[in-house]
All heavy atoms as atom14 arrays in JSON, in Angstrom:
{
  "sequence": "MREAVAVANAENIDLNESDIKHCIDTLSSLTPTGKTSMLQDVEARRKT",
  "atom14_mask": [
    [1, 1, 1, 1, 1, 1, 1, 1, 0, 0, 0, 0, 0, 0],
    [1, 1, 1, 1, 1, 1, 1, 1, 1, 1, 1, 0, 0, 0],
    [1, 1, 1, 1, 1, 1, 1, 1, 1, 0, 0, 0, 0, 0],
    [1, 1, 1, 1, 1, 0, 0, 0, 0, 0, 0, 0, 0, 0],
    [1, 1, 1, 1, 1, 1, 1, 0, 0, 0, 0, 0, 0, 0],
    [1, 1, 1, 1, 1, 0, 0, 0, 0, 0, 0, 0, 0, 0],
    [1, 1, 1, 1, 1, 1, 1, 0, 0, 0, 0, 0, 0, 0],
    [1, 1, 1, 1, 1, 0, 0, 0, 0, 0, 0, 0, 0, 0],
    [1, 1, 1, 1, 1, 1, 1, 1, 0, 0, 0, 0, 0, 0],
    [1, 1, 1, 1, 1, 0, 0, 0, 0, 0, 0, 0, 0, 0],
    [1, 1, 1, 1, 1, 1, 1, 1, 1, 0, 0, 0, 0, 0],
    [1, 1, 1, 1, 1, 1, 1, 1, 0, 0, 0, 0, 0, 0],
    [1, 1, 1, 1, 1, 1, 1, 1, 0, 0, 0, 0, 0, 0],
    [1, 1, 1, 1, 1, 1, 1, 1, 0, 0, 0, 0, 0, 0],
    [1, 1, 1, 1, 1, 1, 1, 1, 0, 0, 0, 0, 0, 0],
    [1, 1, 1, 1, 1, 1, 1, 1, 0, 0, 0, 0, 0, 0],
    [1, 1, 1, 1, 1, 1, 1, 1, 1, 0, 0, 0, 0, 0],
    [1, 1, 1, 1, 1, 1, 0, 0, 0, 0, 0, 0, 0, 0],
    [1, 1, 1, 1, 1, 1, 1, 1, 0, 0, 0, 0, 0, 0],
    [1, 1, 1, 1, 1, 1, 1, 1, 0, 0, 0, 0, 0, 0],
    [1, 1, 1, 1, 1, 1, 1, 1, 1, 0, 0, 0, 0, 0],
    [1, 1, 1, 1, 1, 1, 1, 1, 1, 1, 0, 0, 0, 0],
    [1, 1, 1, 1, 1, 1, 0, 0, 0, 0, 0, 0, 0, 0],
    [1, 1, 1, 1, 1, 1, 1, 1, 0, 0, 0, 0, 0, 0],
    [1, 1, 1, 1, 1, 1, 1, 1, 0, 0, 0, 0, 0, 0],
    [1, 1, 1, 1, 1, 1, 1, 0, 0, 0, 0, 0, 0, 0],
    [1, 1, 1, 1, 1, 1, 1, 1, 0, 0, 0, 0, 0, 0],
    [1, 1, 1, 1, 1, 1, 0, 0, 0, 0, 0, 0, 0, 0],
    [1, 1, 1, 1, 1, 1, 0, 0, 0, 0, 0, 0, 0, 0],
    [1, 1, 1, 1, 1, 1, 1, 1, 0, 0, 0, 0, 0, 0],
    [1, 1, 1, 1, 1, 1, 1, 0, 0, 0, 0, 0, 0, 0],
    [1, 1, 1, 1, 1, 1, 1, 0, 0, 0, 0, 0, 0, 0],
    [1, 1, 1, 1, 1, 1, 1, 0, 0, 0, 0, 0, 0, 0],
    [1, 1, 1, 1, 0, 0, 0, 0, 0, 0, 0, 0, 0, 0],
    [1, 1, 1, 1, 1, 1, 1, 1, 1, 0, 0, 0, 0, 0],
    [1, 1, 1, 1, 1, 1, 1, 0, 0, 0, 0, 0, 0, 0],
    [1, 1, 1, 1, 1, 1, 0, 0, 0, 0, 0, 0, 0, 0],
    [1, 1, 1, 1, 1, 1, 1, 1, 0, 0, 0, 0, 0, 0],
    [1, 1, 1, 1, 1, 1, 1, 1, 0, 0, 0, 0, 0, 0],
    [1, 1, 1, 1, 1, 1, 1, 1, 1, 0, 0, 0, 0, 0],
    [1, 1, 1, 1, 1, 1, 1, 1, 0, 0, 0, 0, 0, 0],
    [1, 1, 1, 1, 1, 1, 1, 0, 0, 0, 0, 0, 0, 0],
    [1, 1, 1, 1, 1, 1, 1, 1, 1, 0, 0, 0, 0, 0],
    [1, 1, 1, 1, 1, 0, 0, 0, 0, 0, 0, 0, 0, 0],
    [1, 1, 1, 1, 1, 1, 1, 1, 1, 1, 1, 0, 0, 0],
    [1, 1, 1, 1, 1, 1, 1, 1, 1, 1, 1, 0, 0, 0],
    [1, 1, 1, 1, 1, 1, 1, 1, 1, 0, 0, 0, 0, 0],
    [1, 1, 1, 1, 1, 1, 1, 0, 0, 0, 0, 0, 0, 0]
  ],
  "atom14_positions": [
    [[0.83, -1.21, 0.0], [0.0, 0.0, 0.0], [0.86, 1.26, 0.0], [0.52, 2.25, -0.67], [-0.93, 0.02, 1.21], [-2.08, -0.94, 1.14], [-3.1, -0.75, 2.62], [-4.34, -2.01, 2.34], [0.0, 0.0, 0.0], [0.0, 0.0, 0.0], [0.0, 0.0, 0.0], [0.0, 0.0, 0.0], [0.0, 0.0, 0.0], [0.0, 0.0, 0.0]],
    [[1.96, 1.25, 0.75], [2.85, 2.4, 0.81], [3.38, 2.76, -0.58], [3.5, 3.94, -0.93], [4.02, 2.12, 1.75], [4.1, 3.1, 2.87], [5.14, 2.76, 3.92], [4.42, 2.53, 5.16], [4.25, 1.35, 5.75], [4.82, 0.28, 5.28], [3.53, 1.26, 6.85], [0.0, 0.0, 0.0], [0.0, 0.0, 0.0], [0.0, 0.0, 0.0]],
    [[3.7, 1.74, -1.36], [4.15, 1.99, -2.73], [3.02, 2.58, -3.58], [3.27, 3.47, -4.4], [4.68, 0.7, -3.35], [5.96, 0.22, -2.7], [6.48, -1.1, -3.24], [5.8, -1.72, -4.1], [7.57, -1.51, -2.81], [0.0, 0.0, 0.0], [0.0, 0.0, 0.0], [0.0, 0.0, 0.0], [0.0, 0.0, 0.0], [0.0, 0.0, 0.0]],
    [[1.8, 2.13, -3.36], [0.65, 2.7, -4.07], [0.45, 4.16, -3.67], [0.09, 5.0, -4.5], [-0.61, 1.88, -3.81], [0.0, 0.0, 0.0], [0.0, 0.0, 0.0], [0.0, 0.0, 0.0], [0.0, 0.0, 0.0], [0.0, 0.0, 0.0], [0.0, 0.0, 0.0], [0.0, 0.0, 0.0], [0.0, 0.0, 0.0], [0.0, 0.0, 0.0]],
    [[0.68, 4.47, -2.4], [0.58, 5.86, -1.92], [1.62, 6.73, -2.61], [1.32, 7.85, -3.05], [0.74, 5.94, -0.38], [0.98, 7.37, 0.08], [-0.48, 5.36, 0.31], [0.0, 0.0, 0.0], [0.0, 0.0, 0.0], [0.0, 0.0, 0.0], [0.0, 0.0, 0.0], [0.0, 0.0, 0.0], [0.0, 0.0, 0.0], [0.0, 0.0, 0.0]],
    [[2.85, 6.24, -2.75], [3.9, 7.01, -3.42], [3.5, 7.33, -4.86], [3.7, 8.45, -5.34], [5.22, 6.25, -3.37], [0.0, 0.0, 0.0], [0.0, 0.0, 0.0], [0.0, 0.0, 0.0], [0.0, 0.0, 0.0], [0.0, 0.0, 0.0], [0.0, 0.0, 0.0], [0.0, 0.0, 0.0], [0.0, 0.0, 0.0], [0.0, 0.0, 0.0]],
    [[2.93, 6.34, -5.54], [2.48, 6.54, -6.92], [1.31, 7.51, -6.94], [1.25, 8.41, -7.79], [2.11, 5.18, -7.57], [1.37, 5.38, -8.87], [3.37, 4.35, -7.79], [0.0, 0.0, 0.0], [0.0, 0.0, 0.0], [0.0, 0.0, 0.0], [0.0, 0.0, 0.0], [0.0, 0.0, 0.0], [0.0, 0.0, 0.0], [0.0, 0.0, 0.0]],
    [[0.37, 7.36, -6.03], [-0.78, 8.27, -5.96], [-0.3, 9.71, -5.76], [-0.78, 10.63, -6.44], [-1.72, 7.86, -4.83], [0.0, 0.0, 0.0], [0.0, 0.0, 0.0], [0.0, 0.0, 0.0], [0.0, 0.0, 0.0], [0.0, 0.0, 0.0], [0.0, 0.0, 0.0], [0.0, 0.0, 0.0], [0.0, 0.0, 0.0], [0.0, 0.0, 0.0]],
    [[0.63, 9.9, -4.83], [1.15, 11.25, -4.58], [1.8, 11.82, -5.83], [1.64, 13.02, -6.12], [2.15, 11.23, -3.42], [1.51, 10.92, -2.07], [2.2, 10.61, -1.12], [0.19, 10.97, -1.96], [0.0, 0.0, 0.0], [0.0, 0.0, 0.0], [0.0, 0.0, 0.0], [0.0, 0.0, 0.0], [0.0, 0.0, 0.0], [0.0, 0.0, 0.0]],
    [[2.52, 10.99, -6.58], [3.14, 11.45, -7.83], [2.09, 11.83, -8.86], [2.34, 12.67, -9.73], [4.06, 10.36, -8.39], [0.0, 0.0, 0.0], [0.0, 0.0, 0.0], [0.0, 0.0, 0.0], [0.0, 0.0, 0.0], [0.0, 0.0, 0.0], [0.0, 0.0, 0.0], [0.0, 0.0, 0.0], [0.0, 0.0, 0.0], [0.0, 0.0, 0.0]],
    [[0.89, 11.24, -8.73], [-0.24, 11.56, -9.62], [-1.11, 12.67, -9.04], [-2.24, 12.88, -9.47], [-1.08, 10.3, -9.86], [-0.4, 9.24, -10.7], [-0.41, 9.57, -12.18], [-1.49, 9.9, -12.72], [0.67, 9.51, -12.8], [0.0, 0.0, 0.0], [0.0, 0.0, 0.0], [0.0, 0.0, 0.0], [0.0, 0.0, 0.0], [0.0, 0.0, 0.0]],
    [[-0.59, 13.36, -8.01], [-1.29, 14.48, -7.34], [-2.56, 14.05, -6.6], [-3.52, 14.8, -6.53], [-1.59, 15.61, -8.32], [-0.34, 16.24, -8.87], [0.59, 16.53, -8.12], [-0.3, 16.42, -10.18], [0.0, 0.0, 0.0], [0.0, 0.0, 0.0], [0.0, 0.0, 0.0], [0.0, 0.0, 0.0], [0.0, 0.0, 0.0], [0.0, 0.0, 0.0]],
    [[-2.53, 12.84, -6.06], [-3.63, 12.35, -5.22], [-3.1, 12.3, -3.79], [-2.08, 11.69, -3.5], [-4.09, 10.94, -5.66], [-4.49, 10.94, -7.14], [-5.21, 10.44, -4.76], [-5.65, 11.83, -7.51], [0.0, 0.0, 0.0], [0.0, 0.0, 0.0], [0.0, 0.0, 0.0], [0.0, 0.0, 0.0], [0.0, 0.0, 0.0], [0.0, 0.0, 0.0]],
    [[-3.82, 12.93, -2.88], [-3.37, 13.07, -1.5], [-3.76, 11.86, -0.66], [-4.79, 11.85, 0.01], [-3.95, 14.35, -0.9], [-3.52, 14.56, 0.54], [-2.41, 14.12, 0.9], [-4.29, 15.17, 1.31], [0.0, 0.0, 0.0], [0.0, 0.0, 0.0], [0.0, 0.0, 0.0], [0.0, 0.0, 0.0], [0.0, 0.0, 0.0], [0.0, 0.0, 0.0]],
    [[-2.93, 10.82, -0.69], [-3.07, 9.68, 0.22], [-1.86, 9.71, 1.15], [-0.81, 10.23, 0.81], [-3.1, 8.36, -0.55], [-4.3, 8.11, -1.46], [-4.16, 6.76, -2.15], [-5.6, 8.16, -0.68], [0.0, 0.0, 0.0], [0.0, 0.0, 0.0], [0.0, 0.0, 0.0], [0.0, 0.0, 0.0], [0.0, 0.0, 0.0], [0.0, 0.0, 0.0]],
    [[-2.03, 9.1, 2.35], [-0.93, 9.12, 3.31], [-1.0, 7.91, 4.24], [-1.85, 7.04, 4.08], [-0.96, 10.43, 4.1], [-2.29, 10.65, 4.79], [-2.75, 9.82, 5.55], [-2.93, 11.78, 4.49], [0.0, 0.0, 0.0], [0.0, 0.0, 0.0], [0.0, 0.0, 0.0], [0.0, 0.0, 0.0], [0.0, 0.0, 0.0], [0.0, 0.0, 0.0]],
    [[-0.13, 7.89, 5.21], [0.0, 6.76, 6.13], [-1.3, 6.51, 6.92], [-1.64, 5.38, 7.2], [1.16, 7.02, 7.1], [1.61, 5.83, 7.88], [2.27, 4.74, 7.04], [2.87, 5.05, 5.98], [2.19, 3.56, 7.44], [0.0, 0.0, 0.0], [0.0, 0.0, 0.0], [0.0, 0.0, 0.0], [0.0, 0.0, 0.0], [0.0, 0.0, 0.0]],
    [[-2.03, 7.57, 7.24], [-3.29, 7.37, 7.98], [-4.32, 6.63, 7.13], [-5.16, 5.9, 7.65], [-3.85, 8.7, 8.48], [-4.27, 9.51, 7.41], [0.0, 0.0, 0.0], [0.0, 0.0, 0.0], [0.0, 0.0, 0.0], [0.0, 0.0, 0.0], [0.0, 0.0, 0.0], [0.0, 0.0, 0.0], [0.0, 0.0, 0.0], [0.0, 0.0, 0.0]],
    [[-4.25, 6.8, 5.81], [-5.13, 6.06, 4.92], [-4.8, 4.57, 4.94], [-5.7, 3.72, 4.89], [-5.03, 6.6, 3.49], [-5.56, 8.01, 3.38], [-6.67, 8.28, 3.89], [-4.86, 8.85, 2.78], [0.0, 0.0, 0.0], [0.0, 0.0, 0.0], [0.0, 0.0, 0.0], [0.0, 0.0, 0.0], [0.0, 0.0, 0.0], [0.0, 0.0, 0.0]],
    [[-3.52, 4.25, 5.02], [-3.12, 2.85, 5.11], [-3.67, 2.24, 6.4], [-4.26, 1.16, 6.39], [-1.58, 2.71, 5.05], [-1.08, 3.14, 3.67], [-1.14, 1.28, 5.38], [0.43, 3.26, 3.56], [0.0, 0.0, 0.0], [0.0, 0.0, 0.0], [0.0, 0.0, 0.0], [0.0, 0.0, 0.0], [0.0, 0.0, 0.0], [0.0, 0.0, 0.0]],
    [[-3.5, 2.96, 7.51], [-4.02, 2.46, 8.8], [-5.53, 2.26, 8.73], [-6.05, 1.25, 9.19], [-3.66, 3.42, 9.93], [-4.13, 2.92, 11.29], [-3.84, 3.89, 12.39], [-4.31, 3.42, 13.75], [-5.45, 2.56, 13.83], [0.0, 0.0, 0.0], [0.0, 0.0, 0.0], [0.0, 0.0, 0.0], [0.0, 0.0, 0.0], [0.0, 0.0, 0.0]],
    [[-6.23, 3.22, 8.14], [-7.69, 3.12, 7.99], [-8.07, 1.86, 7.21], [-8.99, 1.12, 7.6], [-8.24, 4.37, 7.31], [-9.66, 4.26, 6.88], [-10.71, 4.27, 7.77], [-10.2, 4.1, 5.65], [-11.85, 4.12, 7.1], [-11.56, 4.03, 5.81], [0.0, 0.0, 0.0], [0.0, 0.0, 0.0], [0.0, 0.0, 0.0], [0.0, 0.0, 0.0]],
    [[-7.36, 1.6, 6.12], [-7.67, 0.42, 5.29], [-7.37, -0.87, 6.04], [-8.17, -1.82, 6.0], [-6.89, 0.47, 3.98], [-7.54, 1.69, 2.82], [0.0, 0.0, 0.0], [0.0, 0.0, 0.0], [0.0, 0.0, 0.0], [0.0, 0.0, 0.0], [0.0, 0.0, 0.0], [0.0, 0.0, 0.0], [0.0, 0.0, 0.0], [0.0, 0.0, 0.0]],
    [[-6.26, -0.92, 6.75], [-5.91, -2.12, 7.52], [-6.97, -2.35, 8.61], [-7.42, -3.48, 8.83], [-4.51, -2.0, 8.15], [-3.43, -1.91, 7.07], [-4.23, -3.13, 9.12], [-3.2, -3.17, 6.27], [0.0, 0.0, 0.0], [0.0, 0.0, 0.0], [0.0, 0.0, 0.0], [0.0, 0.0, 0.0], [0.0, 0.0, 0.0], [0.0, 0.0, 0.0]],
    [[-7.38, -1.29, 9.28], [-8.42, -1.41, 10.32], [-9.74, -1.91, 9.71], [-10.42, -2.75, 10.28], [-8.65, -0.07, 11.02], [-7.49, 0.34, 11.91], [-6.61, -0.51, 12.2], [-7.45, 1.53, 12.31], [0.0, 0.0, 0.0], [0.0, 0.0, 0.0], [0.0, 0.0, 0.0], [0.0, 0.0, 0.0], [0.0, 0.0, 0.0], [0.0, 0.0, 0.0]],
    [[-10.1, -1.37, 8.56], [-11.32, -1.8, 7.88], [-11.26, -3.28, 7.53], [-12.18, -4.04, 7.81], [-11.56, -0.96, 6.61], [-11.73, 0.4, 6.98], [-12.79, -1.44, 5.85], [0.0, 0.0, 0.0], [0.0, 0.0, 0.0], [0.0, 0.0, 0.0], [0.0, 0.0, 0.0], [0.0, 0.0, 0.0], [0.0, 0.0, 0.0], [0.0, 0.0, 0.0]],
    [[-10.16, -3.7, 6.92], [-10.0, -5.1, 6.52], [-9.99, -6.02, 7.74], [-10.57, -7.11, 7.7], [-8.71, -5.28, 5.73], [-8.69, -4.61, 4.35], [-7.26, -4.47, 3.84], [-9.55, -5.38, 3.37], [0.0, 0.0, 0.0], [0.0, 0.0, 0.0], [0.0, 0.0, 0.0], [0.0, 0.0, 0.0], [0.0, 0.0, 0.0], [0.0, 0.0, 0.0]],
    [[-9.37, -5.58, 8.82], [-9.29, -6.39, 10.04], [-10.65, -6.56, 10.71], [-10.84, -7.47, 11.5], [-8.3, -5.78, 11.03], [-7.01, -5.76, 10.48], [0.0, 0.0, 0.0], [0.0, 0.0, 0.0], [0.0, 0.0, 0.0], [0.0, 0.0, 0.0], [0.0, 0.0, 0.0], [0.0, 0.0, 0.0], [0.0, 0.0, 0.0], [0.0, 0.0, 0.0]],
    [[-11.59, -5.67, 10.39], [-12.92, -5.74, 11.01], [-13.87, -6.67, 10.26], [-14.96, -6.97, 10.74], [-13.53, -4.34, 11.08], [-13.92, -3.89, 9.79], [0.0, 0.0, 0.0], [0.0, 0.0, 0.0], [0.0, 0.0, 0.0], [0.0, 0.0, 0.0], [0.0, 0.0, 0.0], [0.0, 0.0, 0.0], [0.0, 0.0, 0.0], [0.0, 0.0, 0.0]],
    [[-13.45, -7.14, 9.09], [-14.31, -8.02, 8.3], [-14.28, -9.44, 8.87], [-13.41, -9.79, 9.66], [-13.87, -8.02, 6.84], [-13.98, -6.66, 6.12], [-13.39, -6.74, 4.73], [-15.42, -6.17, 6.07], [0.0, 0.0, 0.0], [0.0, 0.0, 0.0], [0.0, 0.0, 0.0], [0.0, 0.0, 0.0], [0.0, 0.0, 0.0], [0.0, 0.0, 0.0]],
    [[-15.23, -10.25, 8.44], [-15.31, -11.63, 8.89], [-13.96, -12.31, 8.69], [-13.44, -12.32, 7.56], [-16.4, -12.38, 8.1], [-17.63, -11.68, 8.25], [-16.55, -13.8, 8.58], [0.0, 0.0, 0.0], [0.0, 0.0, 0.0], [0.0, 0.0, 0.0], [0.0, 0.0, 0.0], [0.0, 0.0, 0.0], [0.0, 0.0, 0.0], [0.0, 0.0, 0.0]],
    [[-13.36, -12.89, 9.74], [-12.01, -13.46, 9.65], [-11.86, -14.51, 8.55], [-10.79, -14.63, 7.95], [-11.78, -14.07, 11.03], [-12.67, -13.31, 11.94], [-13.88, -12.94, 11.11], [0.0, 0.0, 0.0], [0.0, 0.0, 0.0], [0.0, 0.0, 0.0], [0.0, 0.0, 0.0], [0.0, 0.0, 0.0], [0.0, 0.0, 0.0], [0.0, 0.0, 0.0]],
    [[-12.9, -15.26, 8.28], [-12.82, -16.3, 7.25], [-13.15, -15.77, 5.85], [-13.06, -16.5, 4.88], [-13.77, -17.47, 7.57], [-15.1, -16.95, 7.72], [-13.33, -18.19, 8.84], [0.0, 0.0, 0.0], [0.0, 0.0, 0.0], [0.0, 0.0, 0.0], [0.0, 0.0, 0.0], [0.0, 0.0, 0.0], [0.0, 0.0, 0.0], [0.0, 0.0, 0.0]],
    [[-13.52, -14.48, 5.78], [-13.82, -13.87, 4.49], [-12.57, -13.78, 3.63], [-11.45, -13.77, 4.13], [0.0, 0.0, 0.0], [0.0, 0.0, 0.0], [0.0, 0.0, 0.0], [0.0, 0.0, 0.0], [0.0, 0.0, 0.0], [0.0, 0.0, 0.0], [0.0, 0.0, 0.0], [0.0, 0.0, 0.0], [0.0, 0.0, 0.0], [0.0, 0.0, 0.0]],
    [[-12.77, -13.71, 2.32], [-11.66, -13.73, 1.37], [-11.77, -12.59, 0.38], [-12.87, -12.25, -0.06], [-11.66, -15.06, 0.61], [-11.54, -16.27, 1.49], [-11.75, -17.54, 0.69], [-11.71, -18.76, 1.62], [-11.95, -19.99, 0.86], [0.0, 0.0, 0.0], [0.0, 0.0, 0.0], [0.0, 0.0, 0.0], [0.0, 0.0, 0.0], [0.0, 0.0, 0.0]],
    [[-10.63, -12.06, -0.01], [-10.62, -11.06, -1.07], [-11.03, -11.71, -2.39], [-10.93, -12.93, -2.55], [-9.22, -10.44, -1.25], [-8.3, -11.46, -1.64], [-8.74, -9.74, 0.01], [0.0, 0.0, 0.0], [0.0, 0.0, 0.0], [0.0, 0.0, 0.0], [0.0, 0.0, 0.0], [0.0, 0.0, 0.0], [0.0, 0.0, 0.0], [0.0, 0.0, 0.0]],
    [[-11.46, -10.88, -3.32], [-11.87, -11.42, -4.63], [-10.7, -12.09, -5.34], [-10.88, -13.1, -6.02], [-12.46, -10.31, -5.5], [-11.51, -9.27, -5.68], [0.0, 0.0, 0.0], [0.0, 0.0, 0.0], [0.0, 0.0, 0.0], [0.0, 0.0, 0.0], [0.0, 0.0, 0.0], [0.0, 0.0, 0.0], [0.0, 0.0, 0.0], [0.0, 0.0, 0.0]],
    [[-9.5, -11.56, -5.16], [-8.35, -12.16, -5.84], [-8.02, -13.53, -5.24], [-7.66, -14.46, -5.98], [-7.13, -11.24, -5.79], [-6.01, -11.7, -6.71], [-4.54, -10.63, -6.71], [-5.08, -9.31, -7.78], [0.0, 0.0, 0.0], [0.0, 0.0, 0.0], [0.0, 0.0, 0.0], [0.0, 0.0, 0.0], [0.0, 0.0, 0.0], [0.0, 0.0, 0.0]],
    [[-8.15, -13.68, -3.94], [-7.95, -14.99, -3.33], [-8.99, -15.97, -3.87], [-8.67, -17.12, -4.19], [-8.03, -14.92, -1.81], [-8.02, -16.25, -1.06], [-6.79, -17.09, -1.42], [-8.1, -16.02, 0.44], [0.0, 0.0, 0.0], [0.0, 0.0, 0.0], [0.0, 0.0, 0.0], [0.0, 0.0, 0.0], [0.0, 0.0, 0.0], [0.0, 0.0, 0.0]],
    [[-10.23, -15.53, -4.0], [-11.27, -16.4, -4.56], [-10.94, -16.79, -6.0], [-11.18, -17.93, -6.4], [-12.64, -15.72, -4.47], [-13.11, -15.54, -3.03], [-14.43, -14.8, -2.95], [-15.43, -15.27, -3.5], [-14.44, -13.66, -2.29], [0.0, 0.0, 0.0], [0.0, 0.0, 0.0], [0.0, 0.0, 0.0], [0.0, 0.0, 0.0], [0.0, 0.0, 0.0]],
    [[-10.37, -15.86, -6.75], [-9.95, -16.19, -8.12], [-8.84, -17.23, -8.12], [-8.87, -18.17, -8.92], [-9.48, -14.93, -8.85], [-10.62, -13.99, -9.2], [-11.78, -14.45, -9.24], [-10.36, -12.8, -9.41], [0.0, 0.0, 0.0], [0.0, 0.0, 0.0], [0.0, 0.0, 0.0], [0.0, 0.0, 0.0], [0.0, 0.0, 0.0], [0.0, 0.0, 0.0]],
    [[-7.86, -17.07, -7.25], [-6.77, -18.04, -7.17], [-7.3, -19.42, -6.8], [-6.94, -20.43, -7.42], [-5.68, -17.58, -6.17], [-4.72, -18.71, -5.81], [-4.91, -16.39, -6.75], [0.0, 0.0, 0.0], [0.0, 0.0, 0.0], [0.0, 0.0, 0.0], [0.0, 0.0, 0.0], [0.0, 0.0, 0.0], [0.0, 0.0, 0.0], [0.0, 0.0, 0.0]],
    [[-8.17, -19.47, -5.81], [-8.73, -20.76, -5.39], [-9.54, -21.42, -6.51], [-9.57, -22.64, -6.62], [-9.59, -20.59, -4.14], [-8.76, -20.27, -2.92], [-9.58, -20.05, -1.66], [-10.81, -19.82, -1.74], [-8.98, -20.12, -0.57], [0.0, 0.0, 0.0], [0.0, 0.0, 0.0], [0.0, 0.0, 0.0], [0.0, 0.0, 0.0], [0.0, 0.0, 0.0]],
    [[-10.18, -20.61, -7.34], [-10.96, -21.14, -8.46], [-10.11, -21.31, -9.72], [-10.63, -21.71, -10.76], [-12.14, -20.22, -8.76], [0.0, 0.0, 0.0], [0.0, 0.0, 0.0], [0.0, 0.0, 0.0], [0.0, 0.0, 0.0], [0.0, 0.0, 0.0], [0.0, 0.0, 0.0], [0.0, 0.0, 0.0], [0.0, 0.0, 0.0], [0.0, 0.0, 0.0]],
    [[-8.83, -20.98, -9.6], [-7.87, -21.1, -10.71], [-8.28, -20.24, -11.9], [-8.19, -20.64, -13.05], [-7.68, -22.56, -11.09], [-7.19, -23.41, -9.92], [-7.17, -24.88, -10.22], [-6.09, -25.26, -11.12], [-4.82, -25.47, -10.78], [-4.46, -25.35, -9.53], [-3.92, -25.82, -11.67], [0.0, 0.0, 0.0], [0.0, 0.0, 0.0], [0.0, 0.0, 0.0]],
    [[-8.75, -19.03, -11.58], [-9.11, -18.05, -12.61], [-8.01, -17.0, -12.72], [-7.29, -16.74, -11.76], [-10.41, -17.33, -12.23], [-11.64, -18.18, -12.23], [-12.89, -17.32, -12.0], [-12.92, -16.68, -10.7], [-13.67, -17.1, -9.67], [-14.44, -18.17, -9.78], [-13.65, -16.44, -8.54], [0.0, 0.0, 0.0], [0.0, 0.0, 0.0], [0.0, 0.0, 0.0]],
    [[-7.96, -16.33, -13.85], [-7.05, -15.2, -14.04], [-7.39, -14.14, -12.99], [-8.56, -13.88, -12.73], [-7.19, -14.65, -15.45], [-6.21, -13.57, -15.78], [-6.14, -13.37, -17.28], [-5.23, -12.22, -17.66], [-3.94, -12.2, -17.07], [0.0, 0.0, 0.0], [0.0, 0.0, 0.0], [0.0, 0.0, 0.0], [0.0, 0.0, 0.0], [0.0, 0.0, 0.0]],
    [[-6.37, -13.53, -12.42], [-6.58, -12.53, -11.38], [-6.51, -11.11, -11.94], [-6.24, -10.91, -13.13], [-5.52, -12.67, -10.26], [-4.25, -12.24, -10.79], [-5.44, -14.09, -9.74], [0.0, 0.0, 0.0], [0.0, 0.0, 0.0], [0.0, 0.0, 0.0], [0.0, 0.0, 0.0], [0.0, 0.0, 0.0], [0.0, 0.0, 0.0], [0.0, 0.0, 0.0]]
  ]
}
């Protein structure tokens, strides 16, 4: 995510470390057994 923030900043988009913390907190609050869409694609052997 930090690398994505660096790229966003270079594109004049104001993201920062607090946004990373917010996203991690959001993801950590989801159902523990829940899966990202990309993980579901990998498990189904689909292109990601």
